[in-house]
Amino acid sequence: MNIKGFASLSLALSLLITPGLSDASATTTTTTLDSQGSQVTIDGIPKAKTEGKEKFDKPAKVERSTVVDVLDEKGKKLSEKKINKNADKEEKKAAKENKKNDKTTEGELCLFCGGGGTEPPEEEPDASTAKVVTVLIAADEEYRAAHSDWQTLTQNIVENADNGFTRDHNIDFEIKALGQWSSQGANASEILQDMDRDWNGNGYDFVVGFTKDPNFNSGGIAYVYPSSPNGSAVSVNLDQGATNTWHAAQHEFSHNYGLGHDAQGSGIKCIMNYDYSYSVDYWDQDHDDEIEAHKSWYGN
């Protein structure tokens, strides 16, 4: 484990006061410092109660092509991987399907269109004007052992978690590196801090980890920032299959933007409400407003 940052002492002390997360409650209000000196609280999400799909049915939507660095556990570049844009193909396929549906429903009254015909499809955000944020993905030894295709799998998880941000806030998560990580820690909080020490401070907007470590006692966990962090925003997600993991990743990225939770039992359908975290991919209005207010924290 490569320990970085001047705040290592405060992190070590925080382990004494920051509890691990349980399946019943994946949240703490403990305030500490990350490895770059940013004030943070640690928050997360419980493990999913139901099993989701283990694999993706199709590749995730990618808004722009990029070349990704593949890194070893010390951050040394091993190779490169090309991720190709496929958004145009997906959009053309969707347009073709919409046209087919329009033909089958031709002549039906649309109450919101000002007259006859079908309601026009919702317009997709312009990818060329998106706020682009960079992402380093790191998968630990247990995760890599379980998934020989870990690079493709984690790429698709992040791109699926990105869909809500792109659709509702025109924020595009662009993967720039895939790292091999050796996770250390007795619980989810400690493993998050280990990820922070190993990978923060390298110029990425987000550092997201994927783990199958048996000590990771949460569905996902992240730093919640009160303001723009000095380094990268950090989160870690448990391997819960493709569907559950991308929901957890979107929840944790939201914490990185400073979002808290909606109360369970409130009936508020939002990915920040534990009751709906694994079933929806959108936010309530208050959280949408908060993301917009903090949008300038990351990216170009």
Protein backbone atom coordinates (compact mmCIF):
# COMPACT_ATOMS: atom_id res chain seq x y z
CA MET A 1 0.00 0.00 0.00
CA ASN A 2 1.48 3.33 -1.10
CA ILE A 3 0.61 5.94 1.57
CA LYS A 4 0.39 9.48 0.23
CA GLY A 5 -0.53 12.90 1.55
CA PHE A 6 0.26 14.98 4.57
CA ALA A 7 -3.01 14.04 6.29
CA SER A 8 -2.04 10.41 6.97
CA LEU A 9 -1.86 11.05 10.71
CA SER A 10 -5.36 12.54 10.85
CA LEU A 11 -6.65 9.63 8.77
CA ALA A 12 -5.09 7.16 11.16
CA LEU A 13 -6.73 8.94 14.07
CA SER A 14 -10.06 9.00 12.26
CA LEU A 15 -10.05 5.21 12.13
CA LEU A 16 -10.45 5.30 15.89
CA ILE A 17 -13.63 7.33 15.70
CA THR A 18 -15.13 6.37 12.33
CA PRO A 19 -17.31 3.28 12.69
CA GLY A 20 -17.61 0.62 10.01
CA LEU A 21 -20.83 0.40 8.05
CA SER A 22 -23.44 -2.28 8.68
CA ASP A 23 -25.99 -3.71 6.24
CA ALA A 24 -28.73 -1.94 8.21
CA SER A 25 -27.13 1.49 8.29
CA ALA A 26 -24.54 2.66 5.78
CA THR A 27 -24.02 6.16 7.04
CA THR A 28 -21.88 8.10 9.51
CA THR A 29 -21.58 11.77 10.31
CA THR A 30 -17.93 11.63 11.35
CA THR A 31 -15.90 14.49 9.91
CA THR A 32 -12.28 13.89 8.93
CA LEU A 33 -9.72 14.90 6.29
CA ASP A 34 -8.89 13.06 3.09
CA SER A 35 -5.30 12.54 1.95
CA GLN A 36 -5.29 15.92 0.17
CA GLY A 37 -6.47 17.87 3.22
CA SER A 38 -10.12 18.27 2.18
CA GLN A 39 -12.71 18.13 4.95
CA VAL A 40 -15.09 15.22 4.36
CA THR A 41 -17.75 13.08 5.93
CA ILE A 42 -18.10 9.40 5.10
CA ASP A 43 -21.43 8.16 3.76
CA GLY A 44 -22.71 5.23 1.80
CA ILE A 45 -25.44 2.79 0.91
CA PRO A 46 -26.48 -0.59 2.37
CA LYS A 47 -26.10 -3.76 0.35
CA ALA A 48 -28.94 -4.51 -2.05
CA LYS A 49 -31.73 -6.67 -0.68
CA THR A 50 -32.44 -8.34 -4.01
CA GLU A 51 -30.15 -9.72 -6.69
CA GLY A 52 -29.80 -7.76 -9.91
CA LYS A 53 -28.42 -8.88 -13.25
CA GLU A 54 -24.89 -10.21 -13.00
CA LYS A 55 -23.90 -9.09 -16.51
CA PHE A 56 -24.95 -6.33 -18.88
CA ASP A 57 -27.14 -7.24 -21.84
CA LYS A 58 -25.37 -4.72 -24.08
CA PRO A 59 -22.46 -2.28 -23.90
CA ALA A 60 -23.12 0.96 -22.05
CA LYS A 61 -23.63 4.19 -23.93
CA VAL A 62 -20.30 6.01 -24.44
CA GLU A 63 -20.57 9.69 -25.41
CA ARG A 64 -17.00 10.18 -26.67
CA SER A 65 -13.98 8.05 -27.65
CA THR A 66 -11.01 8.03 -25.31
CA VAL A 67 -7.69 6.29 -24.75
CA VAL A 68 -7.41 4.77 -21.26
CA ASP A 69 -4.18 4.09 -19.37
CA VAL A 70 -3.96 0.66 -17.71
CA LEU A 71 -1.95 0.96 -14.49
CA ASP A 72 -0.35 -1.47 -12.05
CA GLU A 73 -0.76 -1.24 -8.25
CA LYS A 74 1.96 1.42 -8.02
CA GLY A 75 0.38 3.57 -10.71
CA LYS A 76 2.89 2.60 -13.40
CA LYS A 77 1.46 2.51 -16.91
CA LEU A 78 1.30 -1.00 -18.34
CA SER A 79 -0.65 -0.45 -21.55
CA GLU A 80 -3.44 1.50 -23.20
CA LYS A 81 -7.02 0.62 -24.01
CA LYS A 82 -9.27 2.38 -26.53
CA ILE A 83 -12.90 3.01 -25.57
CA ASN A 84 -14.91 3.90 -28.64
CA LYS A 85 -17.86 6.24 -28.78
CA ASN A 86 -21.06 4.36 -29.49
CA ALA A 87 -23.67 6.97 -28.56
CA ASP A 88 -24.49 7.70 -32.21
CA LYS A 89 -25.25 4.03 -32.84
CA GLU A 90 -27.48 3.86 -29.78
CA GLU A 91 -29.26 7.09 -30.72
CA LYS A 92 -29.84 5.91 -34.31
CA LYS A 93 -31.20 2.61 -33.02
CA ALA A 94 -33.50 4.44 -30.61
CA ALA A 95 -34.65 6.80 -33.37
CA LYS A 96 -35.43 3.84 -35.62
CA GLU A 97 -37.41 2.22 -32.81
CA ASN A 98 -39.28 5.48 -32.14
CA LYS A 99 -40.16 5.76 -35.83
CA LYS A 100 -41.46 2.21 -35.79
CA ASN A 101 -43.55 2.96 -32.69
CA ASP A 102 -44.87 6.16 -34.28
CA LYS A 103 -46.16 4.17 -37.23
CA THR A 104 -47.98 1.71 -35.00
CA THR A 105 -49.60 4.51 -33.00
CA GLU A 106 -50.21 6.92 -35.91
CA GLY A 107 -53.33 8.96 -35.49
CA GLU A 108 -53.56 8.52 -31.72
CA LEU A 109 -54.29 11.72 -29.82
CA CYS A 110 -51.51 13.25 -27.76
CA LEU A 111 -53.02 15.44 -25.04
CA PHE A 112 -49.80 17.42 -24.62
CA CYS A 113 -48.86 18.06 -28.24
CA GLY A 114 -51.33 20.83 -29.07
CA GLY A 115 -53.18 18.68 -31.55
CA GLY A 116 -53.21 15.26 -33.17
CA GLY A 117 -50.24 12.96 -33.56
CA THR A 118 -47.79 11.44 -31.15
CA GLU A 119 -45.73 13.19 -28.48
CA PRO A 120 -42.19 13.94 -29.71
CA PRO A 121 -39.39 12.01 -27.99
CA GLU A 122 -37.45 13.80 -25.28
CA GLU A 123 -34.42 15.54 -26.73
CA GLU A 124 -31.04 14.16 -25.69
CA PRO A 125 -28.43 16.62 -24.29
CA ASP A 126 -25.76 17.73 -26.74
CA ALA A 127 -22.64 15.72 -25.86
CA SER A 128 -20.39 18.41 -27.34
CA THR A 129 -21.51 20.89 -24.66
CA ALA A 130 -21.33 18.47 -21.73
CA LYS A 131 -19.34 19.09 -18.58
CA VAL A 132 -16.65 16.39 -18.92
CA VAL A 133 -15.27 14.89 -15.71
CA THR A 134 -12.36 12.44 -15.67
CA VAL A 135 -12.45 9.11 -13.85
CA LEU A 136 -9.83 6.66 -12.63
CA ILE A 137 -11.23 3.18 -11.97
CA ALA A 138 -9.34 0.90 -9.56
CA ALA A 139 -10.30 -2.77 -9.02
CA ASP A 140 -8.87 -4.70 -6.08
CA GLU A 141 -7.30 -8.14 -6.18
CA GLU A 142 -10.47 -9.94 -5.09
CA TYR A 143 -12.55 -8.18 -7.74
CA ARG A 144 -10.03 -8.92 -10.50
CA ALA A 145 -9.83 -12.56 -9.45
CA ALA A 146 -13.62 -12.85 -9.74
CA HIS A 147 -13.85 -11.06 -13.10
CA SER A 148 -11.33 -11.73 -15.85
CA ASP A 149 -13.17 -9.01 -17.83
CA TRP A 150 -12.91 -6.49 -14.98
CA GLN A 151 -11.76 -3.67 -17.26
CA THR A 152 -14.83 -3.92 -19.51
CA LEU A 153 -17.19 -4.66 -16.62
CA THR A 154 -16.17 -1.66 -14.51
CA GLN A 155 -16.15 0.58 -17.58
CA ASN A 156 -19.78 -0.39 -18.27
CA ILE A 157 -20.73 0.13 -14.61
CA VAL A 158 -19.36 3.69 -14.61
CA GLU A 159 -20.93 4.49 -18.00
CA ASN A 160 -24.32 3.25 -16.77
CA ALA A 161 -23.97 5.29 -13.57
CA ASP A 162 -23.16 8.23 -15.84
CA ASN A 163 -26.45 8.04 -17.78
CA GLY A 164 -28.52 9.92 -15.20
CA PHE A 165 -25.87 12.63 -14.86
CA THR A 166 -25.74 13.05 -18.65
CA ARG A 167 -29.50 13.03 -19.11
CA ASP A 168 -30.44 15.36 -16.24
CA HIS A 169 -27.33 17.54 -15.83
CA ASN A 170 -25.30 17.18 -19.05
CA ILE A 171 -22.33 15.82 -17.07
CA ASP A 172 -20.29 13.18 -18.88
CA PHE A 173 -18.01 10.82 -16.94
CA GLU A 174 -14.98 10.04 -19.11
CA ILE A 175 -12.83 7.10 -18.01
CA LYS A 176 -9.13 7.93 -18.29
CA ALA A 177 -7.39 5.14 -16.36
CA LEU A 178 -7.91 1.57 -15.13
CA GLY A 179 -5.81 0.66 -12.10
CA GLN A 180 -4.95 -2.55 -10.29
CA TRP A 181 -5.49 -1.99 -6.59
CA SER A 182 -4.56 -3.94 -3.45
CA SER A 183 -7.29 -3.03 -0.96
CA GLN A 184 -6.50 -2.88 2.75
CA GLY A 185 -8.82 -2.38 5.71
CA ALA A 186 -11.02 -4.04 8.32
CA ASN A 187 -14.27 -2.45 7.11
CA ALA A 188 -15.73 -0.28 4.35
CA SER A 189 -14.60 3.01 5.90
CA GLU A 190 -10.99 1.85 6.19
CA ILE A 191 -11.01 0.43 2.65
CA LEU A 192 -12.30 3.79 1.35
CA GLN A 193 -9.47 5.59 3.11
CA ASP A 194 -6.98 3.08 1.71
CA MET A 195 -8.26 3.84 -1.81
CA ASP A 196 -7.86 7.55 -1.05
CA ARG A 197 -4.24 7.16 0.09
CA ASP A 198 -3.29 4.91 -2.83
CA TRP A 199 -4.90 6.78 -5.73
CA ASN A 200 -5.82 10.36 -4.81
CA GLY A 201 -3.76 13.34 -5.95
CA ASN A 202 -3.12 12.20 -9.52
CA GLY A 203 -5.21 14.79 -11.33
CA TYR A 204 -8.45 12.88 -11.93
CA ASP A 205 -11.81 14.40 -10.98
CA PHE A 206 -13.08 11.08 -9.59
CA VAL A 207 -11.36 7.99 -8.22
CA VAL A 208 -13.79 5.07 -7.96
CA GLY A 209 -12.92 1.67 -6.56
CA PHE A 210 -14.52 -1.74 -7.05
CA THR A 211 -14.02 -4.40 -4.42
CA LYS A 212 -14.94 -7.94 -3.49
CA ASP A 213 -13.03 -7.73 -0.21
CA PRO A 214 -14.91 -9.76 2.44
CA ASN A 215 -14.27 -6.96 4.97
CA PHE A 216 -16.24 -4.45 2.88
CA ASN A 217 -19.49 -4.31 4.87
CA SER A 218 -21.48 -1.89 2.70
CA GLY A 219 -22.99 -1.69 -0.78
CA GLY A 220 -20.89 1.39 -1.47
CA ILE A 221 -19.21 4.23 0.39
CA ALA A 222 -17.93 7.69 -0.48
CA TYR A 223 -16.55 10.95 0.76
CA VAL A 224 -19.14 13.72 0.97
CA TYR A 225 -17.59 17.12 0.30
CA PRO A 226 -18.95 20.45 1.60
CA SER A 227 -17.04 22.26 -1.16
CA SER A 228 -14.82 21.50 -4.13
CA PRO A 229 -12.12 19.03 -2.98
CA ASN A 230 -8.40 19.72 -3.23
CA GLY A 231 -7.83 16.46 -5.11
CA SER A 232 -10.02 13.71 -6.52
CA ALA A 233 -13.47 12.75 -5.22
CA VAL A 234 -13.25 9.20 -3.85
CA SER A 235 -15.73 6.31 -3.61
CA VAL A 236 -15.70 2.50 -3.46
CA ASN A 237 -18.41 0.03 -4.51
CA LEU A 238 -18.97 -3.60 -3.58
CA ASP A 239 -19.32 -6.21 -6.31
CA GLN A 240 -23.08 -6.87 -6.36
CA GLY A 241 -23.47 -7.74 -10.03
CA ALA A 242 -23.82 -5.34 -12.93
CA THR A 243 -27.20 -3.76 -12.16
CA ASN A 244 -26.90 -3.26 -8.41
CA THR A 245 -23.32 -2.02 -8.64
CA TRP A 246 -24.01 0.72 -11.16
CA HIS A 247 -26.90 1.98 -9.01
CA ALA A 248 -24.58 2.05 -5.99
CA ALA A 249 -21.92 3.85 -8.06
CA GLN A 250 -24.40 6.56 -9.11
CA HIS A 251 -25.44 6.97 -5.46
CA GLU A 252 -21.80 7.35 -4.37
CA PHE A 253 -20.91 9.78 -7.17
CA SER A 254 -23.87 11.83 -5.93
CA HIS A 255 -22.34 11.92 -2.44
CA ASN A 256 -19.15 13.25 -4.07
CA TYR A 257 -21.25 16.19 -5.29
CA GLY A 258 -22.23 16.89 -1.69
CA LEU A 259 -25.63 15.18 -1.66
CA GLY A 260 -27.06 13.61 1.49
CA HIS A 261 -29.93 11.15 1.85
CA ASP A 262 -33.71 11.37 1.69
CA ALA A 263 -35.46 9.83 4.68
CA GLN A 264 -36.54 6.22 4.36
CA GLY A 265 -40.31 5.88 4.48
CA SER A 266 -40.77 9.40 3.09
CA GLY A 267 -41.99 8.10 -0.25
CA ILE A 268 -39.56 10.38 -2.09
CA LYS A 269 -38.49 8.47 -5.18
CA CYS A 270 -34.84 9.38 -5.52
CA ILE A 271 -31.61 7.41 -5.82
CA MET A 272 -30.54 9.08 -2.56
CA ASN A 273 -33.40 7.37 -0.67
CA TYR A 274 -32.39 3.88 0.48
CA ASP A 275 -35.92 2.70 -0.36
CA TYR A 276 -35.29 3.38 -4.06
CA SER A 277 -31.50 3.44 -4.44
CA TYR A 278 -31.35 0.21 -6.41
CA SER A 279 -34.49 0.76 -8.50
CA VAL A 280 -34.37 4.35 -9.88
CA ASP A 281 -31.68 6.41 -11.62
CA TYR A 282 -32.94 9.94 -10.93
CA TRP A 283 -32.94 12.52 -8.15
CA ASP A 284 -35.64 14.59 -6.48
CA GLN A 285 -35.78 18.32 -7.23
CA ASP A 286 -33.75 19.38 -4.19
CA HIS A 287 -30.94 17.03 -5.12
CA ASP A 288 -31.09 18.07 -8.79
CA ASP A 289 -30.69 21.68 -7.66
CA GLU A 290 -27.74 20.71 -5.46
CA ILE A 291 -25.94 18.93 -8.31
CA GLU A 292 -26.42 21.99 -10.51
CA ALA A 293 -25.07 24.24 -7.74
CA HIS A 294 -21.97 22.03 -7.36
CA LYS A 295 -21.49 21.23 -11.03
CA SER A 296 -18.48 23.55 -11.22
CA TRP A 297 -16.55 21.44 -8.69
CA TYR A 298 -15.35 18.98 -11.32
CA GLY A 299 -14.40 18.85 -14.97
CA ASN A 300 -14.16 21.15 -17.96
